[in-house]
Amino acid sequence: MYDVRQWATAMLAIFFTVTLLIEGRWFIAYRLQHEIRTPIAAATLPP
């Protein structure tokens, strides 16, 4: 019985870890596509 609980806990931890990695990657990709950024050269040159 103890082995089944330990296996289930390990599978749950792996599932959450993989889910967070995938969601984090999607979030970063979304933010990079929709974020408006000022170019560094335009921000540092005098007008």
N, C-alpha and C. Protein backbone atom coordinates (compact mmCIF):
# COMPACT_ATOMS: atom_id res chain seq x y z
N MET A 1 0.82 -1.20 0.00
CA MET A 1 0.00 0.00 0.00
C MET A 1 0.86 1.27 0.00
N TYR A 2 1.94 1.24 0.77
CA TYR A 2 2.82 2.40 0.85
C TYR A 2 3.48 2.68 -0.49
N ASP A 3 3.86 1.62 -1.21
CA ASP A 3 4.51 1.79 -2.51
C ASP A 3 3.57 2.47 -3.52
N VAL A 4 2.30 2.15 -3.46
CA VAL A 4 1.34 2.76 -4.38
C VAL A 4 1.21 4.25 -4.10
N ARG A 5 1.16 4.62 -2.83
CA ARG A 5 1.07 6.05 -2.49
C ARG A 5 2.33 6.80 -2.92
N GLN A 6 3.47 6.19 -2.71
CA GLN A 6 4.73 6.83 -3.09
C GLN A 6 4.80 6.99 -4.61
N TRP A 7 4.39 5.98 -5.35
CA TRP A 7 4.37 6.06 -6.81
C TRP A 7 3.41 7.13 -7.29
N ALA A 8 2.21 7.20 -6.69
CA ALA A 8 1.22 8.20 -7.08
C ALA A 8 1.73 9.61 -6.78
N THR A 9 2.38 9.80 -5.65
CA THR A 9 2.93 11.12 -5.32
C THR A 9 4.02 11.51 -6.31
N ALA A 10 4.88 10.57 -6.68
CA ALA A 10 5.93 10.86 -7.65
C ALA A 10 5.34 11.21 -9.01
N MET A 11 4.32 10.48 -9.44
CA MET A 11 3.68 10.78 -10.73
C MET A 11 3.01 12.16 -10.71
N LEU A 12 2.40 12.50 -9.59
CA LEU A 12 1.77 13.81 -9.47
C LEU A 12 2.81 14.93 -9.52
N ALA A 13 3.93 14.74 -8.85
CA ALA A 13 5.00 15.73 -8.88
C ALA A 13 5.56 15.89 -10.29
N ILE A 14 5.76 14.78 -10.99
CA ILE A 14 6.25 14.84 -12.37
C ILE A 14 5.25 15.55 -13.27
N PHE A 15 3.98 15.24 -13.10
CA PHE A 15 2.93 15.87 -13.91
C PHE A 15 2.92 17.39 -13.71
N PHE A 16 2.97 17.83 -12.45
CA PHE A 16 2.97 19.27 -12.17
C PHE A 16 4.21 19.95 -12.72
N THR A 17 5.35 19.30 -12.61
CA THR A 17 6.59 19.88 -13.12
C THR A 17 6.54 20.05 -14.63
N VAL A 18 6.10 19.02 -15.33
CA VAL A 18 6.01 19.09 -16.79
C VAL A 18 4.98 20.14 -17.21
N THR A 19 3.85 20.20 -16.50
CA THR A 19 2.82 21.18 -16.82
C THR A 19 3.35 22.60 -16.64
N LEU A 20 4.06 22.86 -15.55
CA LEU A 20 4.60 24.19 -15.32
C LEU A 20 5.64 24.56 -16.38
N LEU A 21 6.47 23.62 -16.79
CA LEU A 21 7.45 23.91 -17.83
C LEU A 21 6.79 24.25 -19.16
N ILE A 22 5.77 23.48 -19.53
CA ILE A 22 5.07 23.73 -20.80
C ILE A 22 4.33 25.07 -20.75
N GLU A 23 3.60 25.31 -19.67
CA GLU A 23 2.85 26.56 -19.55
C GLU A 23 3.79 27.76 -19.50
N GLY A 24 4.92 27.62 -18.83
CA GLY A 24 5.90 28.71 -18.78
C GLY A 24 6.46 29.03 -20.16
N ARG A 25 6.71 27.99 -20.93
CA ARG A 25 7.22 28.21 -22.29
C ARG A 25 6.17 28.92 -23.16
N TRP A 26 4.91 28.49 -23.04
CA TRP A 26 3.83 29.14 -23.80
C TRP A 26 3.67 30.59 -23.37
N PHE A 27 3.76 30.85 -22.07
CA PHE A 27 3.60 32.21 -21.57
C PHE A 27 4.72 33.12 -22.08
N ILE A 28 5.95 32.63 -22.05
CA ILE A 28 7.07 33.43 -22.54
C ILE A 28 6.92 33.70 -24.03
N ALA A 29 6.53 32.70 -24.80
CA ALA A 29 6.33 32.90 -26.24
C ALA A 29 5.22 33.92 -26.51
N TYR A 30 4.15 33.84 -25.74
CA TYR A 30 3.04 34.79 -25.91
C TYR A 30 3.50 36.21 -25.58
N ARG A 31 4.21 36.37 -24.48
CA ARG A 31 4.66 37.69 -24.08
C ARG A 31 5.64 38.29 -25.09
N LEU A 32 6.51 37.45 -25.66
CA LEU A 32 7.45 37.96 -26.65
C LEU A 32 6.74 38.41 -27.93
N GLN A 33 5.63 37.77 -28.28
CA GLN A 33 4.91 38.14 -29.49
C GLN A 33 4.05 39.38 -29.30
N HIS A 34 3.56 39.62 -28.08
CA HIS A 34 2.59 40.69 -27.86
C HIS A 34 3.14 41.87 -27.08
N GLU A 35 4.36 41.81 -26.65
CA GLU A 35 4.93 42.90 -25.88
C GLU A 35 5.56 43.91 -26.83
N ILE A 36 5.25 45.17 -26.63
CA ILE A 36 5.84 46.24 -27.44
C ILE A 36 7.09 46.72 -26.72
N ARG A 37 8.22 46.58 -27.39
CA ARG A 37 9.48 46.99 -26.78
C ARG A 37 10.12 48.10 -27.60
N THR A 38 10.73 49.05 -26.91
CA THR A 38 11.47 50.12 -27.57
C THR A 38 12.86 49.61 -27.91
N PRO A 39 13.29 49.79 -29.13
CA PRO A 39 14.66 49.36 -29.47
C PRO A 39 15.69 50.07 -28.62
N ILE A 40 16.74 49.39 -28.26
CA ILE A 40 17.78 49.98 -27.38
C ILE A 40 18.48 51.14 -28.07
N ALA A 41 18.76 51.01 -29.35
CA ALA A 41 19.47 52.08 -30.07
C ALA A 41 18.64 53.35 -30.12
N ALA A 42 17.35 53.23 -30.33
CA ALA A 42 16.48 54.41 -30.40
C ALA A 42 16.35 55.07 -29.03
N ALA A 43 16.43 54.29 -27.98
CA ALA A 43 16.28 54.84 -26.64
C ALA A 43 17.55 55.53 -26.17
N THR A 44 18.72 55.21 -26.71
CA THR A 44 19.97 55.79 -26.24
C THR A 44 20.49 56.92 -27.12
N LEU A 45 19.99 57.09 -28.33
CA LEU A 45 20.45 58.16 -29.20
C LEU A 45 19.79 59.48 -28.84
N PRO A 46 20.52 60.58 -28.89
CA PRO A 46 19.90 61.88 -28.62
C PRO A 46 18.94 62.27 -29.75
N PRO A 47 17.93 63.04 -29.45
CA PRO A 47 16.95 63.42 -30.49
C PRO A 47 17.49 64.38 -31.51
